[in-house]
Amino acid sequence: WILFESRFYCVMKYFVAFSFFVIGLGLEINTPFHRNEKDLLATPVGVLPVHCVHKIPSGSHVHRQKDGDLVVHPSGHKQFYPHPAKESCYPVDANRHKLRSADVFYSGWTTWASYKHATTMTEFNGHFNVPNDPVAHPDPLYTFTAFQNIDWVPVVNGSRPLNAFDIIQPVLGYFGTQWQIASWIVSLPSGNTFHSEWYEVPAGTELYGTMKMTTHSPATWVIDTIAGSQHTQITVHKRDEPDNRLSNQVWAYTAVECYQCSSCATYPTNTLEFKEMEIKDAKGSVTPTWRGHLGKYHWCNEQCHLQGPAKTSYTFQKS
């Protein structure tokens, strides 16, 4: 009986351990992202190791601190995320590590518009539409407005930024069966990446994205992606950073980014529009002069159309 009890205990111990492993794995991959055997996630800032990316409830506050990030949920629950090991959270070269063993490359930012301001910008608001569903499935397709502290674009400027980098962005993504929205904050190198909960939105929905610095010293940013009454939001509080990146958002963007795009079928057929855009700095309204750009890889004559300071649009049509 003692031998039986001992064996039963061992079996149960390993069964429980395995069960927790499976449950944990299920929670980890229950996201719209596609990940491959190398534990990589296709994010709006490139392909990142899965341990660098964290989904948090909408309405959470991220307090960036010296040794890590303290996240306070709307419920009051607190969770601390230590900074990842040095050099462990740079984007990988997705054109070498192909997702899902596919034969087509990560295109990166296929087309985008940029504007550099002389001083930090403090607010970026604008409307954008949810286009129709692609016939084929990109893996995935992203579009967004964004603020950055330096002008770094994945793939185009290499697989990693040369200096401390951040991007904040209200994001629309298509993940094979549906469009979804979330808000993002990314800091590189070796920083945690956070995004709010994803919410599904149907084609034809009008979205509103906003990034607003609510306090200047220290810097606090609210990033919100809105569909009707549905908000998916995070608030980021500046940590003690020698580079002062959250207080130095001098680059603004609208962009289209695609993974595994291979033809026009992996894009919408109608126009994607960013309109009624409004940018501010500490003195008031800013009138941006946008510049259009094309990335390294193209599948459907992607074009960025500059239509004044308040509107950019994107088309995807056979040439």
C-alpha atoms as a PDB file:
ATOM      1  CA  TRP A   1       0.000   0.000   0.000  1.00  0.00           C
ATOM      2  CA  ILE A   2       2.846   2.395   0.765  1.00  0.00           C
ATOM      3  CA  LEU A   3       4.402   1.653  -2.649  1.00  0.00           C
ATOM      4  CA  PHE A   4       1.045   2.177  -4.382  1.00  0.00           C
ATOM      5  CA  GLU A   5       0.458   5.445  -2.539  1.00  0.00           C
ATOM      6  CA  SER A   6       3.924   6.671  -3.491  1.00  0.00           C
ATOM      7  CA  ARG A   7       3.403   5.833  -7.180  1.00  0.00           C
ATOM      8  CA  PHE A   8      -0.063   7.405  -7.132  1.00  0.00           C
ATOM      9  CA  TYR A   9       1.379  10.599  -5.636  1.00  0.00           C
ATOM     10  CA  CYS A  10       4.089  10.768  -8.312  1.00  0.00           C
ATOM     11  CA  VAL A  11       1.591  10.221 -11.134  1.00  0.00           C
ATOM     12  CA  MET A  12      -0.729  12.905  -9.753  1.00  0.00           C
ATOM     13  CA  LYS A  13       2.153  15.317  -9.261  1.00  0.00           C
ATOM     14  CA  TYR A  14       3.236  15.055 -12.883  1.00  0.00           C
ATOM     15  CA  PHE A  15      -0.373  15.135 -14.113  1.00  0.00           C
ATOM     16  CA  VAL A  16      -1.038  18.378 -12.229  1.00  0.00           C
ATOM     17  CA  ALA A  17       2.227  19.890 -13.453  1.00  0.00           C
ATOM     18  CA  PHE A  18       1.435  18.934 -17.039  1.00  0.00           C
ATOM     19  CA  SER A  19      -2.103  20.302 -16.705  1.00  0.00           C
ATOM     20  CA  PHE A  20      -0.804  23.683 -15.541  1.00  0.00           C
ATOM     21  CA  PHE A  21       1.672  23.687 -18.426  1.00  0.00           C
ATOM     22  CA  VAL A  22      -1.084  23.035 -20.967  1.00  0.00           C
ATOM     23  CA  ILE A  23      -3.374  25.636 -19.408  1.00  0.00           C
ATOM     24  CA  GLY A  24      -0.570  28.178 -19.372  1.00  0.00           C
ATOM     25  CA  LEU A  25       0.266  27.438 -22.977  1.00  0.00           C
ATOM     26  CA  GLY A  26      -3.368  27.797 -23.947  1.00  0.00           C
ATOM     27  CA  LEU A  27      -3.583  31.180 -22.303  1.00  0.00           C
ATOM     28  CA  GLU A  28      -0.429  32.312 -24.015  1.00  0.00           C
ATOM     29  CA  ILE A  29      -1.485  31.456 -27.540  1.00  0.00           C
ATOM     30  CA  ASN A  30      -5.121  32.470 -27.171  1.00  0.00           C
ATOM     31  CA  THR A  31      -4.482  35.732 -29.008  1.00  0.00           C
ATOM     32  CA  PRO A  32      -5.064  36.870 -32.585  1.00  0.00           C
ATOM     33  CA  PHE A  33      -1.308  36.704 -33.202  1.00  0.00           C
ATOM     34  CA  HIS A  34       0.301  34.012 -35.250  1.00  0.00           C
ATOM     35  CA  ARG A  35       3.397  32.520 -33.698  1.00  0.00           C
ATOM     36  CA  ASN A  36       5.823  29.996 -35.076  1.00  0.00           C
ATOM     37  CA  GLU A  37       7.979  27.251 -33.645  1.00  0.00           C
ATOM     38  CA  LYS A  38      10.596  29.813 -32.594  1.00  0.00           C
ATOM     39  CA  ASP A  39       8.143  31.494 -30.166  1.00  0.00           C
ATOM     40  CA  LEU A  40       7.879  34.678 -32.187  1.00  0.00           C
ATOM     41  CA  LEU A  41       4.913  37.031 -32.436  1.00  0.00           C
ATOM     42  CA  ALA A  42       4.017  39.188 -35.415  1.00  0.00           C
ATOM     43  CA  THR A  43       3.420  42.575 -33.770  1.00  0.00           C
ATOM     44  CA  PRO A  44       2.894  46.110 -35.145  1.00  0.00           C
ATOM     45  CA  VAL A  45       6.567  46.865 -34.454  1.00  0.00           C
ATOM     46  CA  GLY A  46       8.077  43.756 -36.027  1.00  0.00           C
ATOM     47  CA  VAL A  47       8.552  40.139 -34.981  1.00  0.00           C
ATOM     48  CA  LEU A  48       9.239  39.937 -31.248  1.00  0.00           C
ATOM     49  CA  PRO A  49       9.962  37.012 -28.917  1.00  0.00           C
ATOM     50  CA  VAL A  50       6.746  35.968 -27.196  1.00  0.00           C
ATOM     51  CA  HIS A  51       8.073  36.669 -23.695  1.00  0.00           C
ATOM     52  CA  CYS A  52       8.430  40.370 -24.552  1.00  0.00           C
ATOM     53  CA  VAL A  53       4.741  40.982 -25.368  1.00  0.00           C
ATOM     54  CA  HIS A  54       2.028  41.340 -22.713  1.00  0.00           C
ATOM     55  CA  LYS A  55      -1.731  41.769 -23.103  1.00  0.00           C
ATOM     56  CA  ILE A  56      -3.269  43.836 -20.303  1.00  0.00           C
ATOM     57  CA  PRO A  57      -6.884  44.839 -19.592  1.00  0.00           C
ATOM     58  CA  SER A  58      -8.213  47.955 -21.261  1.00  0.00           C
ATOM     59  CA  GLY A  59      -7.934  50.886 -18.881  1.00  0.00           C
ATOM     60  CA  SER A  60      -4.707  49.659 -17.286  1.00  0.00           C
ATOM     61  CA  HIS A  61      -1.928  52.023 -16.217  1.00  0.00           C
ATOM     62  CA  VAL A  62       1.679  51.108 -17.043  1.00  0.00           C
ATOM     63  CA  HIS A  63       4.194  52.702 -14.679  1.00  0.00           C
ATOM     64  CA  ARG A  64       7.618  52.454 -16.281  1.00  0.00           C
ATOM     65  CA  GLN A  65      10.194  52.083 -13.524  1.00  0.00           C
ATOM     66  CA  LYS A  66      13.915  51.551 -13.192  1.00  0.00           C
ATOM     67  CA  ASP A  67      13.803  47.761 -12.825  1.00  0.00           C
ATOM     68  CA  GLY A  68      10.621  46.983 -14.723  1.00  0.00           C
ATOM     69  CA  ASP A  69       7.028  47.994 -15.338  1.00  0.00           C
ATOM     70  CA  LEU A  70       4.266  48.081 -12.754  1.00  0.00           C
ATOM     71  CA  VAL A  71       0.855  47.531 -14.354  1.00  0.00           C
ATOM     72  CA  VAL A  72      -2.228  48.567 -12.385  1.00  0.00           C
ATOM     73  CA  HIS A  73      -5.430  47.027 -13.741  1.00  0.00           C
ATOM     74  CA  PRO A  74      -8.780  48.876 -13.609  1.00  0.00           C
ATOM     75  CA  SER A  75      -9.754  46.470 -10.808  1.00  0.00           C
ATOM     76  CA  GLY A  76      -6.812  47.703  -8.737  1.00  0.00           C
ATOM     77  CA  HIS A  77      -4.849  44.458  -9.183  1.00  0.00           C
ATOM     78  CA  LYS A  78      -1.122  45.121  -9.578  1.00  0.00           C
ATOM     79  CA  GLN A  79       1.379  43.097 -11.593  1.00  0.00           C
ATOM     80  CA  PHE A  80       5.097  43.762 -11.965  1.00  0.00           C
ATOM     81  CA  TYR A  81       6.992  42.881 -15.162  1.00  0.00           C
ATOM     82  CA  PRO A  82      10.804  42.922 -14.758  1.00  0.00           C
ATOM     83  CA  HIS A  83      12.774  44.250 -17.668  1.00  0.00           C
ATOM     84  CA  PRO A  84      13.736  41.400 -20.012  1.00  0.00           C
ATOM     85  CA  ALA A  85      17.335  40.296 -20.198  1.00  0.00           C
ATOM     86  CA  LYS A  86      19.603  42.612 -22.165  1.00  0.00           C
ATOM     87  CA  GLU A  87      19.370  42.148 -25.939  1.00  0.00           C
ATOM     88  CA  SER A  88      16.511  39.621 -25.564  1.00  0.00           C
ATOM     89  CA  CYS A  89      13.663  41.799 -26.860  1.00  0.00           C
ATOM     90  CA  TYR A  90      14.910  43.214 -30.107  1.00  0.00           C
ATOM     91  CA  PRO A  91      12.820  42.430 -33.185  1.00  0.00           C
ATOM     92  CA  VAL A  92      14.186  39.486 -35.137  1.00  0.00           C
ATOM     93  CA  ASP A  93      14.730  39.510 -38.864  1.00  0.00           C
ATOM     94  CA  ALA A  94      11.394  38.102 -39.963  1.00  0.00           C
ATOM     95  CA  ASN A  95      12.595  37.639 -43.504  1.00  0.00           C
ATOM     96  CA  ARG A  96      15.010  34.999 -42.212  1.00  0.00           C
ATOM     97  CA  HIS A  97      12.749  33.489 -39.552  1.00  0.00           C
ATOM     98  CA  LYS A  98       9.620  33.026 -41.655  1.00  0.00           C
ATOM     99  CA  LEU A  99       6.391  32.741 -39.747  1.00  0.00           C
ATOM    100  CA  ARG A 100       4.501  29.448 -39.842  1.00  0.00           C
ATOM    101  CA  SER A 101       7.128  28.002 -42.199  1.00  0.00           C
ATOM    102  CA  ALA A 102       5.607  29.961 -45.076  1.00  0.00           C
ATOM    103  CA  ASP A 103       7.506  30.779 -48.238  1.00  0.00           C
ATOM    104  CA  VAL A 104       6.744  34.485 -48.374  1.00  0.00           C
ATOM    105  CA  PHE A 105       8.446  37.258 -46.469  1.00  0.00           C
ATOM    106  CA  TYR A 106       7.392  39.775 -43.855  1.00  0.00           C
ATOM    107  CA  SER A 107       6.961  42.922 -45.904  1.00  0.00           C
ATOM    108  CA  GLY A 108       7.369  45.311 -42.998  1.00  0.00           C
ATOM    109  CA  TRP A 109       5.872  48.750 -43.401  1.00  0.00           C
ATOM    110  CA  THR A 110       4.794  48.553 -47.035  1.00  0.00           C
ATOM    111  CA  THR A 111       3.839  52.225 -47.278  1.00  0.00           C
ATOM    112  CA  TRP A 112       3.553  55.076 -44.789  1.00  0.00           C
ATOM    113  CA  ALA A 113       3.538  58.816 -44.213  1.00  0.00           C
ATOM    114  CA  SER A 114       5.836  60.579 -41.756  1.00  0.00           C
ATOM    115  CA  TYR A 115       6.251  64.010 -40.251  1.00  0.00           C
ATOM    116  CA  LYS A 116       9.024  65.375 -38.012  1.00  0.00           C
ATOM    117  CA  HIS A 117       8.302  68.244 -35.648  1.00  0.00           C
ATOM    118  CA  ALA A 118      10.878  70.578 -34.129  1.00  0.00           C
ATOM    119  CA  THR A 119       9.709  69.884 -30.574  1.00  0.00           C
ATOM    120  CA  THR A 120       7.820  67.092 -28.883  1.00  0.00           C
ATOM    121  CA  MET A 121       4.210  66.686 -29.979  1.00  0.00           C
ATOM    122  CA  THR A 122       1.647  66.200 -27.247  1.00  0.00           C
ATOM    123  CA  GLU A 123      -1.493  64.977 -29.010  1.00  0.00           C
ATOM    124  CA  PHE A 124      -2.502  63.106 -32.157  1.00  0.00           C
ATOM    125  CA  ASN A 125      -6.175  62.459 -32.923  1.00  0.00           C
ATOM    126  CA  GLY A 126      -7.849  61.162 -36.045  1.00  0.00           C
ATOM    127  CA  HIS A 127     -10.523  59.057 -37.679  1.00  0.00           C
ATOM    128  CA  PHE A 128      -9.826  56.001 -39.822  1.00  0.00           C
ATOM    129  CA  ASN A 129     -12.058  53.405 -41.434  1.00  0.00           C
ATOM    130  CA  VAL A 130     -12.136  49.626 -41.208  1.00  0.00           C
ATOM    131  CA  PRO A 131     -11.761  48.527 -44.863  1.00  0.00           C
ATOM    132  CA  ASN A 132     -13.309  45.413 -46.361  1.00  0.00           C
ATOM    133  CA  ASP A 133     -11.923  41.965 -45.569  1.00  0.00           C
ATOM    134  CA  PRO A 134      -9.061  40.641 -47.702  1.00  0.00           C
ATOM    135  CA  VAL A 135      -9.964  37.566 -49.739  1.00  0.00           C
ATOM    136  CA  ALA A 136      -6.805  35.741 -48.671  1.00  0.00           C
ATOM    137  CA  HIS A 137      -5.367  35.815 -45.169  1.00  0.00           C
ATOM    138  CA  PRO A 138      -2.398  38.031 -44.345  1.00  0.00           C
ATOM    139  CA  ASP A 139      -0.526  36.920 -41.269  1.00  0.00           C
ATOM    140  CA  PRO A 140      -1.480  39.614 -40.125  1.00  0.00           C
ATOM    141  CA  LEU A 141      -2.103  43.049 -41.664  1.00  0.00           C
ATOM    142  CA  TYR A 142      -1.780  46.159 -39.468  1.00  0.00           C
ATOM    143  CA  THR A 143      -2.533  49.845 -39.910  1.00  0.00           C
ATOM    144  CA  PHE A 144      -2.198  52.659 -37.374  1.00  0.00           C
ATOM    145  CA  THR A 145      -1.317  56.193 -36.416  1.00  0.00           C
ATOM    146  CA  ALA A 146       1.779  56.533 -34.237  1.00  0.00           C
ATOM    147  CA  PHE A 147       4.212  58.736 -32.367  1.00  0.00           C
ATOM    148  CA  GLN A 148       7.914  57.803 -32.123  1.00  0.00           C
ATOM    149  CA  ASN A 149      10.953  59.436 -30.570  1.00  0.00           C
ATOM    150  CA  ILE A 150      13.242  58.491 -33.505  1.00  0.00           C
ATOM    151  CA  ASP A 151      12.633  57.686 -37.163  1.00  0.00           C
ATOM    152  CA  TRP A 152      13.052  53.912 -37.196  1.00  0.00           C
ATOM    153  CA  VAL A 153      11.004  51.639 -39.484  1.00  0.00           C
ATOM    154  CA  PRO A 154      11.297  47.827 -39.195  1.00  0.00           C
ATOM    155  CA  VAL A 155      13.071  46.145 -42.141  1.00  0.00           C
ATOM    156  CA  VAL A 156      13.648  49.455 -43.943  1.00  0.00           C
ATOM    157  CA  ASN A 157      16.083  50.696 -41.280  1.00  0.00           C
ATOM    158  CA  GLY A 158      17.311  47.273 -40.220  1.00  0.00           C
ATOM    159  CA  SER A 159      15.978  44.749 -37.753  1.00  0.00           C
ATOM    160  CA  ARG A 160      16.727  46.904 -34.705  1.00  0.00           C
ATOM    161  CA  PRO A 161      16.970  50.613 -33.847  1.00  0.00           C
ATOM    162  CA  LEU A 162      20.451  51.965 -33.171  1.00  0.00           C
ATOM    163  CA  ASN A 163      19.264  54.117 -30.246  1.00  0.00           C
ATOM    164  CA  ALA A 164      16.649  53.920 -27.503  1.00  0.00           C
ATOM    165  CA  PHE A 165      13.260  53.738 -29.209  1.00  0.00           C
ATOM    166  CA  ASP A 166       9.590  53.852 -28.397  1.00  0.00           C
ATOM    167  CA  ILE A 167       6.337  53.851 -30.326  1.00  0.00           C
ATOM    168  CA  ILE A 168       2.813  54.479 -29.084  1.00  0.00           C
ATOM    169  CA  GLN A 169      -0.026  53.604 -31.427  1.00  0.00           C
ATOM    170  CA  PRO A 170      -3.763  52.981 -31.784  1.00  0.00           C
ATOM    171  CA  VAL A 171      -3.824  49.856 -33.976  1.00  0.00           C
ATOM    172  CA  LEU A 172      -6.219  48.132 -36.374  1.00  0.00           C
ATOM    173  CA  GLY A 173      -5.245  44.583 -37.336  1.00  0.00           C
ATOM    174  CA  TYR A 174      -6.663  41.865 -39.584  1.00  0.00           C
ATOM    175  CA  PHE A 175      -5.945  38.349 -38.363  1.00  0.00           C
ATOM    176  CA  GLY A 176      -7.383  36.090 -41.039  1.00  0.00           C
ATOM    177  CA  THR A 177     -11.036  36.105 -40.029  1.00  0.00           C
ATOM    178  CA  GLN A 178     -11.748  39.491 -38.504  1.00  0.00           C
ATOM    179  CA  TRP A 179     -10.528  43.031 -37.923  1.00  0.00           C
ATOM    180  CA  GLN A 180      -9.601  43.931 -34.347  1.00  0.00           C
ATOM    181  CA  ILE A 181      -8.426  47.038 -32.474  1.00  0.00           C
ATOM    182  CA  ALA A 182      -6.003  47.563 -29.570  1.00  0.00           C
ATOM    183  CA  SER A 183      -3.641  50.217 -28.186  1.00  0.00           C
ATOM    184  CA  TRP A 184       0.127  49.677 -27.945  1.00  0.00           C
ATOM    185  CA  ILE A 185       3.310  50.911 -26.254  1.00  0.00           C
ATOM    186  CA  VAL A 186       6.694  49.468 -27.294  1.00  0.00           C
ATOM    187  CA  SER A 187      10.130  50.353 -25.899  1.00  0.00           C
ATOM    188  CA  LEU A 188      13.373  48.983 -27.327  1.00  0.00           C
ATOM    189  CA  PRO A 189      15.894  47.647 -26.539  1.00  0.00           C
ATOM    190  CA  SER A 190      15.105  45.155 -23.788  1.00  0.00           C
ATOM    191  CA  GLY A 191      11.813  46.750 -22.832  1.00  0.00           C
ATOM    192  CA  ASN A 192       8.425  45.203 -22.241  1.00  0.00           C
ATOM    193  CA  THR A 193       5.781  45.604 -24.920  1.00  0.00           C
ATOM    194  CA  PHE A 194       2.187  46.131 -23.773  1.00  0.00           C
ATOM    195  CA  HIS A 195      -1.092  46.180 -25.627  1.00  0.00           C
ATOM    196  CA  SER A 196      -4.664  46.489 -24.445  1.00  0.00           C
ATOM    197  CA  GLU A 197      -7.319  43.873 -25.083  1.00  0.00           C
ATOM    198  CA  TRP A 198      -8.289  43.226 -28.697  1.00  0.00           C
ATOM    199  CA  TYR A 199     -11.878  43.935 -29.736  1.00  0.00           C
ATOM    200  CA  GLU A 200     -13.453  42.798 -33.000  1.00  0.00           C
ATOM    201  CA  VAL A 201     -14.800  45.426 -35.389  1.00  0.00           C
ATOM    202  CA  PRO A 202     -16.642  44.751 -38.667  1.00  0.00           C
ATOM    203  CA  ALA A 203     -15.682  46.197 -42.025  1.00  0.00           C
ATOM    204  CA  GLY A 204     -17.201  49.630 -42.518  1.00  0.00           C
ATOM    205  CA  THR A 205     -16.748  50.734 -38.901  1.00  0.00           C
ATOM    206  CA  GLU A 206     -15.325  54.215 -38.359  1.00  0.00           C
ATOM    207  CA  LEU A 207     -12.568  54.291 -35.744  1.00  0.00           C
ATOM    208  CA  TYR A 208     -11.066  57.094 -33.720  1.00  0.00           C
ATOM    209  CA  GLY A 209      -7.493  56.906 -32.491  1.00  0.00           C
ATOM    210  CA  THR A 210      -5.984  59.237 -29.932  1.00  0.00           C
ATOM    211  CA  MET A 211      -2.614  59.675 -28.234  1.00  0.00           C
ATOM    212  CA  LYS A 212      -2.527  62.434 -25.652  1.00  0.00           C
ATOM    213  CA  MET A 213       0.113  63.577 -23.175  1.00  0.00           C
ATOM    214  CA  THR A 214      -1.946  64.380 -20.087  1.00  0.00           C
ATOM    215  CA  THR A 215       0.948  65.486 -17.882  1.00  0.00           C
ATOM    216  CA  HIS A 216       4.333  66.787 -19.019  1.00  0.00           C
ATOM    217  CA  SER A 217       6.613  66.312 -16.028  1.00  0.00           C
ATOM    218  CA  PRO A 218       6.722  63.411 -15.662  1.00  0.00           C
ATOM    219  CA  ALA A 219       5.218  62.489 -19.027  1.00  0.00           C
ATOM    220  CA  THR A 220       1.968  60.522 -19.000  1.00  0.00           C
ATOM    221  CA  TRP A 221       0.352  59.301 -22.225  1.00  0.00           C
ATOM    222  CA  VAL A 222      -3.153  57.979 -22.850  1.00  0.00           C
ATOM    223  CA  ILE A 223      -3.424  55.793 -25.970  1.00  0.00           C
ATOM    224  CA  ASP A 224      -6.983  54.915 -26.961  1.00  0.00           C
ATOM    225  CA  THR A 225      -8.512  53.129 -29.956  1.00  0.00           C
ATOM    226  CA  ILE A 226     -12.262  53.707 -30.184  1.00  0.00           C
ATOM    227  CA  ALA A 227     -15.103  52.108 -32.161  1.00  0.00           C
ATOM    228  CA  GLY A 228     -18.405  53.732 -31.231  1.00  0.00           C
ATOM    229  CA  SER A 229     -18.720  53.326 -27.454  1.00  0.00           C
ATOM    230  CA  GLN A 230     -16.020  50.642 -27.297  1.00  0.00           C
ATOM    231  CA  HIS A 231     -12.657  51.847 -25.981  1.00  0.00           C
ATOM    232  CA  THR A 232      -9.460  49.815 -25.750  1.00  0.00           C
ATOM    233  CA  GLN A 233      -7.005  51.985 -23.859  1.00  0.00           C
ATOM    234  CA  ILE A 234      -3.765  52.053 -21.909  1.00  0.00           C
ATOM    235  CA  THR A 235      -2.104  54.854 -19.948  1.00  0.00           C
ATOM    236  CA  VAL A 236       1.683  54.969 -19.767  1.00  0.00           C
ATOM    237  CA  HIS A 237       3.576  56.830 -17.050  1.00  0.00           C
ATOM    238  CA  LYS A 238       7.168  57.867 -17.708  1.00  0.00           C
ATOM    239  CA  ARG A 239       9.903  56.014 -15.864  1.00  0.00           C
ATOM    240  CA  ASP A 240      13.294  57.420 -14.916  1.00  0.00           C
ATOM    241  CA  GLU A 241      14.847  57.104 -18.385  1.00  0.00           C
ATOM    242  CA  PRO A 242      18.139  58.872 -19.185  1.00  0.00           C
ATOM    243  CA  ASP A 243      17.102  59.181 -22.849  1.00  0.00           C
ATOM    244  CA  ASN A 244      13.763  60.778 -21.894  1.00  0.00           C
ATOM    245  CA  ARG A 245      12.075  59.040 -24.812  1.00  0.00           C
ATOM    246  CA  LEU A 246       8.433  59.356 -23.663  1.00  0.00           C
ATOM    247  CA  SER A 247       8.888  63.117 -23.395  1.00  0.00           C
ATOM    248  CA  ASN A 248      10.390  63.406 -26.861  1.00  0.00           C
ATOM    249  CA  GLN A 249       7.782  62.323 -29.405  1.00  0.00           C
ATOM    250  CA  VAL A 250       8.936  64.272 -32.454  1.00  0.00           C
ATOM    251  CA  TRP A 251       7.915  61.818 -35.221  1.00  0.00           C
ATOM    252  CA  ALA A 252       4.319  61.195 -36.339  1.00  0.00           C
ATOM    253  CA  TYR A 253       3.108  58.486 -38.742  1.00  0.00           C
ATOM    254  CA  THR A 254       0.264  56.788 -40.477  1.00  0.00           C
ATOM    255  CA  ALA A 255       1.269  53.376 -41.803  1.00  0.00           C
ATOM    256  CA  VAL A 256       0.347  50.048 -43.366  1.00  0.00           C
ATOM    257  CA  GLU A 257       2.330  46.979 -42.296  1.00  0.00           C
ATOM    258  CA  CYS A 258       1.945  43.434 -43.572  1.00  0.00           C
ATOM    259  CA  TYR A 259       3.145  39.947 -42.741  1.00  0.00           C
ATOM    260  CA  GLN A 260       2.929  37.199 -45.339  1.00  0.00           C
ATOM    261  CA  CYS A 261       1.289  39.388 -47.946  1.00  0.00           C
ATOM    262  CA  SER A 262       1.778  37.710 -51.304  1.00  0.00           C
ATOM    263  CA  SER A 263      -0.754  39.246 -53.704  1.00  0.00           C
ATOM    264  CA  CYS A 264      -3.596  41.730 -53.980  1.00  0.00           C
ATOM    265  CA  ALA A 265      -5.826  39.092 -52.373  1.00  0.00           C
ATOM    266  CA  THR A 266      -4.132  39.729 -49.013  1.00  0.00           C
ATOM    267  CA  TYR A 267      -5.163  43.418 -49.039  1.00  0.00           C
ATOM    268  CA  PRO A 268      -8.522  45.227 -48.921  1.00  0.00           C
ATOM    269  CA  THR A 269      -9.934  46.340 -52.245  1.00  0.00           C
ATOM    270  CA  ASN A 270     -11.277  49.671 -51.004  1.00  0.00           C
ATOM    271  CA  THR A 271      -9.401  52.714 -49.745  1.00  0.00           C
ATOM    272  CA  LEU A 272      -8.054  53.042 -46.212  1.00  0.00           C
ATOM    273  CA  GLU A 273      -8.405  56.641 -45.035  1.00  0.00           C
ATOM    274  CA  PHE A 274      -6.938  58.555 -42.108  1.00  0.00           C
ATOM    275  CA  LYS A 275      -8.898  61.783 -41.948  1.00  0.00           C
ATOM    276  CA  GLU A 276      -9.708  64.763 -39.728  1.00  0.00           C
ATOM    277  CA  MET A 277      -6.294  64.283 -38.140  1.00  0.00           C
ATOM    278  CA  GLU A 278      -5.241  66.789 -35.521  1.00  0.00           C
ATOM    279  CA  ILE A 279      -1.769  67.130 -34.008  1.00  0.00           C
ATOM    280  CA  LYS A 280      -0.773  69.446 -31.174  1.00  0.00           C
ATOM    281  CA  ASP A 281       2.333  70.506 -29.288  1.00  0.00           C
ATOM    282  CA  ALA A 282       2.687  72.502 -26.074  1.00  0.00           C
ATOM    283  CA  LYS A 283       1.822  75.734 -27.914  1.00  0.00           C
ATOM    284  CA  GLY A 284      -1.297  74.469 -29.701  1.00  0.00           C
ATOM    285  CA  SER A 285      -2.226  73.089 -33.125  1.00  0.00           C
ATOM    286  CA  VAL A 286       0.456  71.782 -35.479  1.00  0.00           C
ATOM    287  CA  THR A 287       0.184  71.802 -39.282  1.00  0.00           C
ATOM    288  CA  PRO A 288       2.178  68.777 -40.460  1.00  0.00           C
ATOM    289  CA  THR A 289       3.810  68.479 -43.852  1.00  0.00           C
ATOM    290  CA  TRP A 290       3.578  64.750 -44.520  1.00  0.00           C
ATOM    291  CA  ARG A 291       6.083  62.791 -46.600  1.00  0.00           C
ATOM    292  CA  GLY A 292       5.073  59.559 -48.325  1.00  0.00           C
ATOM    293  CA  HIS A 293       7.274  56.454 -48.343  1.00  0.00           C
ATOM    294  CA  LEU A 294       7.402  52.997 -49.913  1.00  0.00           C
ATOM    295  CA  GLY A 295       9.013  50.025 -48.181  1.00  0.00           C
ATOM    296  CA  LYS A 296      11.230  47.286 -49.568  1.00  0.00           C
ATOM    297  CA  TYR A 297       8.520  44.773 -50.483  1.00  0.00           C
ATOM    298  CA  HIS A 298       5.351  45.321 -52.501  1.00  0.00           C
ATOM    299  CA  TRP A 299       2.581  42.983 -53.578  1.00  0.00           C
ATOM    300  CA  CYS A 300      -0.256  45.122 -54.899  1.00  0.00           C
ATOM    301  CA  ASN A 301       0.948  48.542 -56.051  1.00  0.00           C
ATOM    302  CA  GLU A 302       0.492  49.915 -52.547  1.00  0.00           C
ATOM    303  CA  GLN A 303       0.253  53.695 -52.604  1.00  0.00           C
ATOM    304  CA  CYS A 304       0.221  56.414 -49.956  1.00  0.00           C
ATOM    305  CA  HIS A 305      -1.765  59.497 -50.983  1.00  0.00           C
ATOM    306  CA  LEU A 306      -1.036  62.775 -49.202  1.00  0.00           C
ATOM    307  CA  GLN A 307      -4.144  64.958 -49.111  1.00  0.00           C
ATOM    308  CA  GLY A 308      -3.137  67.868 -46.934  1.00  0.00           C
ATOM    309  CA  PRO A 309      -2.202  68.127 -43.263  1.00  0.00           C
ATOM    310  CA  ALA A 310      -5.344  66.374 -42.014  1.00  0.00           C
ATOM    311  CA  LYS A 311      -5.680  63.407 -44.378  1.00  0.00           C
ATOM    312  CA  THR A 312      -3.642  60.524 -45.786  1.00  0.00           C
ATOM    313  CA  SER A 313      -5.086  57.533 -47.596  1.00  0.00           C
ATOM    314  CA  TYR A 314      -3.855  54.172 -48.880  1.00  0.00           C
ATOM    315  CA  THR A 315      -4.871  52.147 -51.912  1.00  0.00           C
ATOM    316  CA  PHE A 316      -4.095  48.563 -52.922  1.00  0.00           C
ATOM    317  CA  GLN A 317      -4.778  47.765 -56.561  1.00  0.00           C
ATOM    318  CA  LYS A 318      -3.284  45.729 -59.351  1.00  0.00           C
ATOM    319  CA  SER A 319      -0.797  47.751 -61.369  1.00  0.00           C
END
